[in-house]
Amino acid sequence: MKNQKDNGILKRKTKAFLAIPDKKPCEILRVVFLLFLQKLQQFLYGRYGGDKFSIFLLVLGLVFSLFGRLFFWPLFLLADALYIYALFRMLSRNVPARQREYAAFLKVWSPIENWFRFQKRRFAERKQYKYFKCPHCRQKLRAPRGRGKIEVTCQKCRQVFVTKT
């Protein structure tokens, strides 16, 4: 109830403020902008908003849009459909349904993201560490470079093997 009362006070103050002719235009624009932000905040209250899946849809739509303009025009229509679906997801009030969609997306996306994150870390540490897999259980392991031939014990299966660093 307090929020509605505060909004009414701001509206009355804004109308009175805008009615005064000796105010600077930049002050009037500031008040109008604050009113716009307030209305936008009221509209977005209770909406789902953006997440990784929405960003993925927007980026995929951008890629399809570029390829659609260059090569094959139906891709351009598919890009528009992706934009509309992303906007629908962001403005939806059905939060549980959007959370289920997001969980399904993360089941597919997380392994891909983790693989790229591992490759980035592996590349960054390429001069300090040698990465290899256990021949028995395929567990990813690393050892400091420059140690020559070493005997490695896998932490997962306790298999002992020799490798060169």
N, C-alpha and C. Protein backbone atom coordinates (compact mmCIF):
# COMPACT_ATOMS: atom_id res chain seq x y z
N MET A 1 0.83 -1.20 0.00
CA MET A 1 0.00 0.00 0.00
C MET A 1 0.87 1.26 0.00
N LYS A 2 1.99 1.19 0.72
CA LYS A 2 2.89 2.33 0.78
C LYS A 2 3.46 2.66 -0.59
N ASN A 3 3.78 1.62 -1.38
CA ASN A 3 4.34 1.82 -2.72
C ASN A 3 3.34 2.56 -3.61
N GLN A 4 2.05 2.22 -3.54
CA GLN A 4 1.05 2.91 -4.36
C GLN A 4 0.92 4.36 -3.91
N LYS A 5 1.00 4.59 -2.61
CA LYS A 5 0.90 5.95 -2.11
C LYS A 5 2.10 6.78 -2.58
N ASP A 6 3.30 6.20 -2.52
CA ASP A 6 4.49 6.91 -2.99
C ASP A 6 4.40 7.22 -4.48
N ASN A 7 3.85 6.28 -5.27
CA ASN A 7 3.71 6.51 -6.71
C ASN A 7 2.78 7.68 -6.97
N GLY A 8 1.70 7.76 -6.21
CA GLY A 8 0.76 8.86 -6.39
C GLY A 8 1.39 10.19 -6.05
N ILE A 9 2.19 10.21 -4.99
CA ILE A 9 2.88 11.44 -4.60
C ILE A 9 3.85 11.88 -5.69
N LEU A 10 4.59 10.92 -6.26
CA LEU A 10 5.53 11.24 -7.33
C LEU A 10 4.79 11.78 -8.54
N LYS A 11 3.63 11.20 -8.86
CA LYS A 11 2.86 11.69 -10.00
C LYS A 11 2.38 13.12 -9.77
N ARG A 12 1.85 13.37 -8.56
CA ARG A 12 1.37 14.72 -8.27
C ARG A 12 2.52 15.72 -8.30
N LYS A 13 3.66 15.34 -7.72
CA LYS A 13 4.82 16.24 -7.73
C LYS A 13 5.31 16.46 -9.15
N THR A 14 5.28 15.40 -9.97
CA THR A 14 5.75 15.51 -11.34
C THR A 14 4.84 16.43 -12.14
N LYS A 15 3.52 16.25 -12.00
CA LYS A 15 2.59 17.12 -12.73
C LYS A 15 2.77 18.57 -12.31
N ALA A 16 2.93 18.79 -11.00
CA ALA A 16 3.14 20.16 -10.52
C ALA A 16 4.48 20.69 -11.02
N PHE A 17 5.46 19.85 -11.05
CA PHE A 17 6.80 20.25 -11.49
C PHE A 17 6.79 20.61 -12.97
N LEU A 18 6.08 19.81 -13.77
CA LEU A 18 6.05 20.06 -15.21
C LEU A 18 5.21 21.30 -15.55
N ALA A 19 4.31 21.68 -14.67
CA ALA A 19 3.45 22.83 -14.94
C ALA A 19 4.19 24.15 -14.75
N ILE A 20 5.31 24.12 -14.04
CA ILE A 20 6.06 25.35 -13.77
C ILE A 20 6.92 25.66 -15.00
N PRO A 21 6.70 26.81 -15.65
CA PRO A 21 7.40 27.11 -16.89
C PRO A 21 8.87 27.51 -16.72
N ASP A 22 9.32 27.93 -15.51
CA ASP A 22 10.68 28.43 -15.38
C ASP A 22 11.71 27.33 -15.07
N LYS A 23 11.33 26.08 -15.16
CA LYS A 23 12.28 24.99 -14.94
C LYS A 23 13.12 24.76 -16.19
N LYS A 24 14.34 24.28 -15.98
CA LYS A 24 15.23 24.00 -17.10
C LYS A 24 14.76 22.76 -17.85
N PRO A 25 14.97 22.72 -19.16
CA PRO A 25 14.55 21.55 -19.94
C PRO A 25 15.22 20.25 -19.50
N CYS A 26 16.48 20.34 -19.05
CA CYS A 26 17.17 19.12 -18.62
C CYS A 26 16.53 18.55 -17.36
N GLU A 27 16.03 19.42 -16.47
CA GLU A 27 15.35 18.96 -15.26
C GLU A 27 14.01 18.30 -15.62
N ILE A 28 13.32 18.86 -16.58
CA ILE A 28 12.05 18.30 -17.03
C ILE A 28 12.29 16.93 -17.67
N LEU A 29 13.32 16.83 -18.51
CA LEU A 29 13.65 15.54 -19.12
C LEU A 29 14.02 14.50 -18.06
N ARG A 30 14.72 14.92 -17.03
CA ARG A 30 15.10 14.00 -15.96
C ARG A 30 13.87 13.44 -15.26
N VAL A 31 12.91 14.29 -14.97
CA VAL A 31 11.69 13.86 -14.31
C VAL A 31 10.88 12.93 -15.21
N VAL A 32 10.78 13.27 -16.49
CA VAL A 32 10.06 12.43 -17.44
C VAL A 32 10.74 11.07 -17.56
N PHE A 33 12.06 11.06 -17.59
CA PHE A 33 12.80 9.80 -17.65
C PHE A 33 12.57 8.96 -16.39
N LEU A 34 12.56 9.61 -15.23
CA LEU A 34 12.29 8.88 -13.99
C LEU A 34 10.88 8.30 -13.98
N LEU A 35 9.92 9.04 -14.52
CA LEU A 35 8.55 8.53 -14.64
C LEU A 35 8.49 7.31 -15.56
N PHE A 36 9.22 7.40 -16.67
CA PHE A 36 9.27 6.27 -17.61
C PHE A 36 9.87 5.04 -16.94
N LEU A 37 10.98 5.23 -16.20
CA LEU A 37 11.61 4.11 -15.51
C LEU A 37 10.66 3.51 -14.47
N GLN A 38 9.91 4.35 -13.80
CA GLN A 38 8.95 3.86 -12.80
C GLN A 38 7.86 3.01 -13.46
N LYS A 39 7.34 3.48 -14.57
CA LYS A 39 6.31 2.71 -15.29
C LYS A 39 6.88 1.41 -15.83
N LEU A 40 8.11 1.43 -16.34
CA LEU A 40 8.75 0.22 -16.83
C LEU A 40 8.97 -0.78 -15.70
N GLN A 41 9.37 -0.30 -14.55
CA GLN A 41 9.57 -1.16 -13.38
C GLN A 41 8.25 -1.79 -12.95
N GLN A 42 7.18 -1.04 -12.98
CA GLN A 42 5.86 -1.59 -12.63
C GLN A 42 5.45 -2.66 -13.63
N PHE A 43 5.72 -2.42 -14.91
CA PHE A 43 5.35 -3.39 -15.95
C PHE A 43 6.13 -4.69 -15.81
N LEU A 44 7.42 -4.59 -15.48
CA LEU A 44 8.28 -5.78 -15.41
C LEU A 44 8.17 -6.53 -14.08
N TYR A 45 7.46 -5.99 -13.12
CA TYR A 45 7.33 -6.66 -11.83
C TYR A 45 6.59 -7.99 -12.01
N GLY A 46 7.21 -9.08 -11.52
CA GLY A 46 6.60 -10.40 -11.62
C GLY A 46 6.91 -11.13 -12.91
N ARG A 47 7.67 -10.52 -13.80
CA ARG A 47 8.03 -11.16 -15.06
C ARG A 47 9.27 -12.03 -14.85
N TYR A 48 9.51 -12.97 -15.75
CA TYR A 48 10.62 -13.91 -15.59
C TYR A 48 11.97 -13.24 -15.80
N GLY A 49 12.12 -12.44 -16.83
CA GLY A 49 13.38 -11.76 -17.08
C GLY A 49 14.33 -12.60 -17.94
N GLY A 50 15.55 -12.16 -18.04
CA GLY A 50 16.54 -12.83 -18.90
C GLY A 50 17.36 -13.85 -18.14
N ASP A 51 17.83 -14.87 -18.86
CA ASP A 51 18.73 -15.87 -18.31
C ASP A 51 19.66 -16.33 -19.44
N LYS A 52 20.47 -17.34 -19.19
CA LYS A 52 21.41 -17.82 -20.21
C LYS A 52 20.70 -18.33 -21.45
N PHE A 53 19.56 -18.97 -21.25
CA PHE A 53 18.81 -19.50 -22.39
C PHE A 53 18.30 -18.37 -23.29
N SER A 54 17.80 -17.31 -22.67
CA SER A 54 17.33 -16.16 -23.46
C SER A 54 18.48 -15.52 -24.22
N ILE A 55 19.63 -15.38 -23.57
CA ILE A 55 20.80 -14.82 -24.25
C ILE A 55 21.23 -15.73 -25.39
N PHE A 56 21.22 -17.04 -25.16
CA PHE A 56 21.55 -18.00 -26.20
C PHE A 56 20.61 -17.86 -27.40
N LEU A 57 19.31 -17.72 -27.13
CA LEU A 57 18.34 -17.56 -28.22
C LEU A 57 18.60 -16.27 -29.00
N LEU A 58 18.92 -15.19 -28.29
CA LEU A 58 19.18 -13.92 -28.97
C LEU A 58 20.44 -14.00 -29.84
N VAL A 59 21.50 -14.63 -29.32
CA VAL A 59 22.74 -14.76 -30.10
C VAL A 59 22.51 -15.67 -31.29
N LEU A 60 21.80 -16.78 -31.09
CA LEU A 60 21.48 -17.68 -32.19
C LEU A 60 20.63 -16.98 -33.25
N GLY A 61 19.69 -16.15 -32.80
CA GLY A 61 18.89 -15.36 -33.73
C GLY A 61 19.74 -14.38 -34.52
N LEU A 62 20.73 -13.78 -33.86
CA LEU A 62 21.64 -12.86 -34.56
C LEU A 62 22.44 -13.60 -35.62
N VAL A 63 22.95 -14.79 -35.29
CA VAL A 63 23.72 -15.58 -36.26
C VAL A 63 22.83 -15.97 -37.44
N PHE A 64 21.62 -16.46 -37.15
CA PHE A 64 20.70 -16.83 -38.24
C PHE A 64 20.33 -15.63 -39.08
N SER A 65 20.19 -14.47 -38.44
CA SER A 65 19.85 -13.26 -39.18
C SER A 65 20.97 -12.89 -40.15
N LEU A 66 22.22 -12.96 -39.69
CA LEU A 66 23.34 -12.64 -40.57
C LEU A 66 23.44 -13.63 -41.73
N PHE A 67 23.34 -14.94 -41.43
CA PHE A 67 23.40 -15.93 -42.50
C PHE A 67 22.18 -15.83 -43.42
N GLY A 68 21.03 -15.46 -42.86
CA GLY A 68 19.83 -15.31 -43.67
C GLY A 68 19.96 -14.17 -44.67
N ARG A 69 20.58 -13.09 -44.24
CA ARG A 69 20.78 -11.96 -45.16
C ARG A 69 21.80 -12.29 -46.25
N LEU A 70 22.81 -13.06 -45.88
CA LEU A 70 23.88 -13.35 -46.84
C LEU A 70 23.54 -14.50 -47.79
N PHE A 71 22.94 -15.58 -47.27
CA PHE A 71 22.82 -16.80 -48.06
C PHE A 71 21.40 -17.25 -48.33
N PHE A 72 20.64 -17.49 -47.27
CA PHE A 72 19.38 -18.22 -47.42
C PHE A 72 18.30 -17.50 -46.63
N TRP A 73 17.35 -16.85 -47.29
CA TRP A 73 16.41 -15.96 -46.62
C TRP A 73 15.49 -16.63 -45.60
N PRO A 74 15.11 -17.92 -45.69
CA PRO A 74 14.27 -18.48 -44.62
C PRO A 74 14.95 -18.50 -43.25
N LEU A 75 16.28 -18.48 -43.22
CA LEU A 75 16.97 -18.37 -41.94
C LEU A 75 16.65 -17.05 -41.25
N PHE A 76 16.40 -16.03 -42.06
CA PHE A 76 16.03 -14.73 -41.52
C PHE A 76 14.69 -14.82 -40.79
N LEU A 77 13.75 -15.58 -41.33
CA LEU A 77 12.46 -15.78 -40.67
C LEU A 77 12.62 -16.59 -39.38
N LEU A 78 13.49 -17.58 -39.40
CA LEU A 78 13.77 -18.36 -38.20
C LEU A 78 14.40 -17.47 -37.12
N ALA A 79 15.23 -16.54 -37.53
CA ALA A 79 15.84 -15.60 -36.57
C ALA A 79 14.76 -14.75 -35.92
N ASP A 80 13.80 -14.29 -36.70
CA ASP A 80 12.69 -13.51 -36.13
C ASP A 80 11.89 -14.34 -35.14
N ALA A 81 11.66 -15.61 -35.45
CA ALA A 81 10.94 -16.49 -34.53
C ALA A 81 11.72 -16.67 -33.22
N LEU A 82 13.05 -16.78 -33.31
CA LEU A 82 13.87 -16.90 -32.10
C LEU A 82 13.81 -15.63 -31.26
N TYR A 83 13.83 -14.47 -31.91
CA TYR A 83 13.72 -13.20 -31.19
C TYR A 83 12.39 -13.12 -30.45
N ILE A 84 11.31 -13.49 -31.13
CA ILE A 84 9.98 -13.43 -30.52
C ILE A 84 9.89 -14.39 -29.34
N TYR A 85 10.43 -15.59 -29.49
CA TYR A 85 10.39 -16.56 -28.40
C TYR A 85 11.22 -16.08 -27.20
N ALA A 86 12.39 -15.49 -27.46
CA ALA A 86 13.21 -14.96 -26.36
C ALA A 86 12.48 -13.83 -25.63
N LEU A 87 11.83 -12.95 -26.39
CA LEU A 87 11.07 -11.87 -25.78
C LEU A 87 9.89 -12.41 -24.98
N PHE A 88 9.22 -13.43 -25.53
CA PHE A 88 8.11 -14.07 -24.82
C PHE A 88 8.59 -14.65 -23.48
N ARG A 89 9.76 -15.32 -23.50
CA ARG A 89 10.29 -15.91 -22.27
C ARG A 89 10.62 -14.83 -21.24
N MET A 90 11.20 -13.73 -21.70
CA MET A 90 11.60 -12.67 -20.77
C MET A 90 10.41 -11.97 -20.14
N LEU A 91 9.32 -11.83 -20.89
CA LEU A 91 8.16 -11.10 -20.39
C LEU A 91 7.10 -12.01 -19.79
N SER A 92 7.35 -13.30 -19.74
CA SER A 92 6.37 -14.25 -19.24
C SER A 92 6.20 -14.13 -17.73
N ARG A 93 4.97 -14.33 -17.27
CA ARG A 93 4.69 -14.37 -15.83
C ARG A 93 4.63 -15.80 -15.32
N ASN A 94 4.70 -16.78 -16.22
CA ASN A 94 4.65 -18.19 -15.85
C ASN A 94 6.07 -18.65 -15.49
N VAL A 95 6.51 -18.29 -14.31
CA VAL A 95 7.89 -18.54 -13.89
C VAL A 95 8.21 -20.04 -13.79
N PRO A 96 7.34 -20.89 -13.22
CA PRO A 96 7.70 -22.32 -13.14
C PRO A 96 7.94 -22.97 -14.51
N ALA A 97 7.15 -22.60 -15.50
CA ALA A 97 7.36 -23.16 -16.85
C ALA A 97 8.68 -22.70 -17.43
N ARG A 98 9.04 -21.43 -17.23
CA ARG A 98 10.32 -20.92 -17.74
C ARG A 98 11.49 -21.57 -17.00
N GLN A 99 11.32 -21.86 -15.71
CA GLN A 99 12.39 -22.52 -14.96
C GLN A 99 12.60 -23.95 -15.45
N ARG A 100 11.51 -24.64 -15.82
CA ARG A 100 11.65 -25.99 -16.37
C ARG A 100 12.37 -25.95 -17.72
N GLU A 101 12.04 -24.98 -18.55
CA GLU A 101 12.73 -24.82 -19.84
C GLU A 101 14.22 -24.55 -19.61
N TYR A 102 14.51 -23.70 -18.64
CA TYR A 102 15.90 -23.34 -18.35
C TYR A 102 16.68 -24.55 -17.83
N ALA A 103 16.05 -25.37 -16.99
CA ALA A 103 16.72 -26.57 -16.47
C ALA A 103 17.02 -27.55 -17.61
N ALA A 104 16.07 -27.71 -18.54
CA ALA A 104 16.30 -28.58 -19.69
C ALA A 104 17.44 -28.04 -20.56
N PHE A 105 17.48 -26.73 -20.73
CA PHE A 105 18.56 -26.11 -21.50
C PHE A 105 19.91 -26.34 -20.83
N LEU A 106 19.96 -26.18 -19.50
CA LEU A 106 21.22 -26.35 -18.79
C LEU A 106 21.74 -27.78 -18.84
N LYS A 107 20.85 -28.76 -18.92
CA LYS A 107 21.29 -30.15 -19.05
C LYS A 107 22.10 -30.34 -20.32
N VAL A 108 21.74 -29.62 -21.36
CA VAL A 108 22.46 -29.72 -22.64
C VAL A 108 23.65 -28.76 -22.66
N TRP A 109 23.47 -27.57 -22.16
CA TRP A 109 24.47 -26.51 -22.29
C TRP A 109 25.63 -26.66 -21.32
N SER A 110 25.40 -27.11 -20.10
CA SER A 110 26.46 -27.17 -19.09
C SER A 110 27.65 -28.03 -19.51
N PRO A 111 27.46 -29.24 -20.06
CA PRO A 111 28.64 -30.00 -20.50
C PRO A 111 29.44 -29.29 -21.59
N ILE A 112 28.76 -28.62 -22.49
CA ILE A 112 29.44 -27.88 -23.56
C ILE A 112 30.23 -26.73 -22.96
N GLU A 113 29.60 -26.00 -22.04
CA GLU A 113 30.27 -24.87 -21.40
C GLU A 113 31.47 -25.34 -20.58
N ASN A 114 31.31 -26.45 -19.86
CA ASN A 114 32.42 -26.99 -19.06
C ASN A 114 33.58 -27.44 -19.93
N TRP A 115 33.27 -28.04 -21.10
CA TRP A 115 34.33 -28.45 -22.01
C TRP A 115 35.13 -27.25 -22.48
N PHE A 116 34.47 -26.18 -22.89
CA PHE A 116 35.17 -24.98 -23.32
C PHE A 116 35.96 -24.34 -22.18
N ARG A 117 35.40 -24.34 -20.97
CA ARG A 117 36.10 -23.79 -19.81
C ARG A 117 37.38 -24.60 -19.54
N PHE A 118 37.28 -25.94 -19.65
CA PHE A 118 38.45 -26.78 -19.44
C PHE A 118 39.52 -26.53 -20.50
N GLN A 119 39.10 -26.39 -21.76
CA GLN A 119 40.06 -26.13 -22.83
C GLN A 119 40.75 -24.79 -22.63
N LYS A 120 40.02 -23.81 -22.14
CA LYS A 120 40.61 -22.50 -21.87
C LYS A 120 41.65 -22.60 -20.76
N ARG A 121 41.30 -23.33 -19.67
CA ARG A 121 42.24 -23.51 -18.57
C ARG A 121 43.46 -24.32 -19.01
N ARG A 122 43.23 -25.34 -19.82
CA ARG A 122 44.32 -26.17 -20.31
C ARG A 122 45.28 -25.36 -21.17
N PHE A 123 44.72 -24.48 -22.01
CA PHE A 123 45.56 -23.63 -22.85
C PHE A 123 46.35 -22.63 -22.00
N ALA A 124 45.71 -22.07 -20.97
CA ALA A 124 46.38 -21.09 -20.12
C ALA A 124 47.52 -21.72 -19.33
N GLU A 125 47.38 -23.01 -18.97
CA GLU A 125 48.39 -23.70 -18.17
C GLU A 125 49.28 -24.62 -18.99
N ARG A 126 49.31 -24.44 -20.30
CA ARG A 126 50.02 -25.37 -21.17
C ARG A 126 51.53 -25.40 -20.92
N LYS A 127 52.10 -24.30 -20.41
CA LYS A 127 53.54 -24.26 -20.16
C LYS A 127 53.91 -24.82 -18.78
N GLN A 128 52.97 -24.84 -17.87
CA GLN A 128 53.26 -25.33 -16.52
C GLN A 128 52.88 -26.80 -16.33
N TYR A 129 51.80 -27.26 -17.00
CA TYR A 129 51.28 -28.60 -16.74
C TYR A 129 51.07 -29.39 -18.03
N LYS A 130 51.24 -30.70 -17.91
CA LYS A 130 50.94 -31.64 -19.00
C LYS A 130 49.63 -32.34 -18.61
N TYR A 131 48.66 -32.30 -19.49
CA TYR A 131 47.38 -32.97 -19.26
C TYR A 131 47.37 -34.31 -19.98
N PHE A 132 46.82 -35.32 -19.35
CA PHE A 132 46.69 -36.64 -19.95
C PHE A 132 45.55 -37.37 -19.27
N LYS A 133 45.20 -38.54 -19.83
CA LYS A 133 44.10 -39.35 -19.28
C LYS A 133 44.65 -40.66 -18.75
N CYS A 134 44.00 -41.15 -17.72
CA CYS A 134 44.33 -42.47 -17.17
C CYS A 134 43.95 -43.52 -18.21
N PRO A 135 44.86 -44.45 -18.54
CA PRO A 135 44.52 -45.46 -19.56
C PRO A 135 43.46 -46.46 -19.09
N HIS A 136 43.23 -46.54 -17.80
CA HIS A 136 42.27 -47.51 -17.28
C HIS A 136 40.86 -46.94 -17.19
N CYS A 137 40.72 -45.77 -16.55
CA CYS A 137 39.37 -45.21 -16.31
C CYS A 137 39.09 -43.93 -17.10
N ARG A 138 40.05 -43.41 -17.85
CA ARG A 138 39.92 -42.21 -18.69
C ARG A 138 39.73 -40.92 -17.88
N GLN A 139 40.10 -40.92 -16.61
CA GLN A 139 40.06 -39.73 -15.78
C GLN A 139 41.10 -38.72 -16.28
N LYS A 140 40.72 -37.43 -16.34
CA LYS A 140 41.66 -36.39 -16.75
C LYS A 140 42.60 -36.08 -15.60
N LEU A 141 43.90 -36.07 -15.90
CA LEU A 141 44.93 -35.81 -14.90
C LEU A 141 45.90 -34.77 -15.44
N ARG A 142 46.67 -34.18 -14.54
CA ARG A 142 47.72 -33.25 -14.95
C ARG A 142 48.92 -33.44 -14.06
N ALA A 143 50.09 -33.13 -14.62
CA ALA A 143 51.34 -33.21 -13.87
C ALA A 143 52.23 -32.05 -14.30
N PRO A 144 53.11 -31.57 -13.42
CA PRO A 144 54.00 -30.48 -13.79
C PRO A 144 54.92 -30.88 -14.95
N ARG A 145 55.14 -29.97 -15.85
CA ARG A 145 56.02 -30.24 -17.00
C ARG A 145 57.48 -30.25 -16.55
N GLY A 146 58.31 -30.92 -17.36
CA GLY A 146 59.74 -30.90 -17.14
C GLY A 146 60.24 -31.89 -16.10
N ARG A 147 59.48 -32.89 -15.74
CA ARG A 147 59.91 -33.87 -14.75
C ARG A 147 60.42 -35.16 -15.38
N GLY A 148 60.40 -35.23 -16.71
CA GLY A 148 60.83 -36.45 -17.40
C GLY A 148 59.77 -37.52 -17.31
N LYS A 149 60.19 -38.78 -17.26
CA LYS A 149 59.25 -39.88 -17.10
C LYS A 149 58.88 -40.00 -15.62
N ILE A 150 57.58 -40.01 -15.36
CA ILE A 150 57.13 -40.12 -13.97
C ILE A 150 56.13 -41.25 -13.84
N GLU A 151 56.02 -41.75 -12.64
CA GLU A 151 55.04 -42.78 -12.33
C GLU A 151 53.85 -42.09 -11.70
N VAL A 152 52.68 -42.25 -12.31
CA VAL A 152 51.47 -41.54 -11.87
C VAL A 152 50.49 -42.56 -11.30
N THR A 153 49.87 -42.20 -10.17
CA THR A 153 48.80 -43.01 -9.59
C THR A 153 47.50 -42.25 -9.77
N CYS A 154 46.55 -42.86 -10.48
CA CYS A 154 45.26 -42.23 -10.72
C CYS A 154 44.50 -42.12 -9.39
N GLN A 155 43.97 -40.96 -9.10
CA GLN A 155 43.25 -40.74 -7.86
C GLN A 155 41.89 -41.44 -7.85
N LYS A 156 41.37 -41.73 -9.03
CA LYS A 156 40.04 -42.33 -9.12
C LYS A 156 40.09 -43.85 -9.00
N CYS A 157 40.95 -44.50 -9.80
CA CYS A 157 40.97 -45.97 -9.83
C CYS A 157 42.21 -46.59 -9.21
N ARG A 158 43.17 -45.76 -8.77
CA ARG A 158 44.42 -46.21 -8.14
C ARG A 158 45.31 -47.02 -9.08
N GLN A 159 45.11 -46.87 -10.38
CA GLN A 159 45.96 -47.53 -11.37
C GLN A 159 47.28 -46.78 -11.46
N VAL A 160 48.39 -47.50 -11.50
CA VAL A 160 49.71 -46.87 -11.58
C VAL A 160 50.21 -47.06 -13.03
N PHE A 161 50.69 -45.95 -13.63
CA PHE A 161 51.22 -46.01 -15.00
C PHE A 161 52.33 -44.99 -15.12
N VAL A 162 53.14 -45.15 -16.17
CA VAL A 162 54.27 -44.27 -16.44
C VAL A 162 53.94 -43.38 -17.62
N THR A 163 54.25 -42.10 -17.48
CA THR A 163 54.03 -41.15 -18.57
C THR A 163 55.18 -40.14 -18.60
N LYS A 164 55.33 -39.47 -19.73
CA LYS A 164 56.37 -38.48 -19.90
C LYS A 164 55.76 -37.09 -19.76
N THR A 165 56.43 -36.23 -19.01
CA THR A 165 55.96 -34.85 -18.88
C THR A 165 56.88 -33.99 -19.69
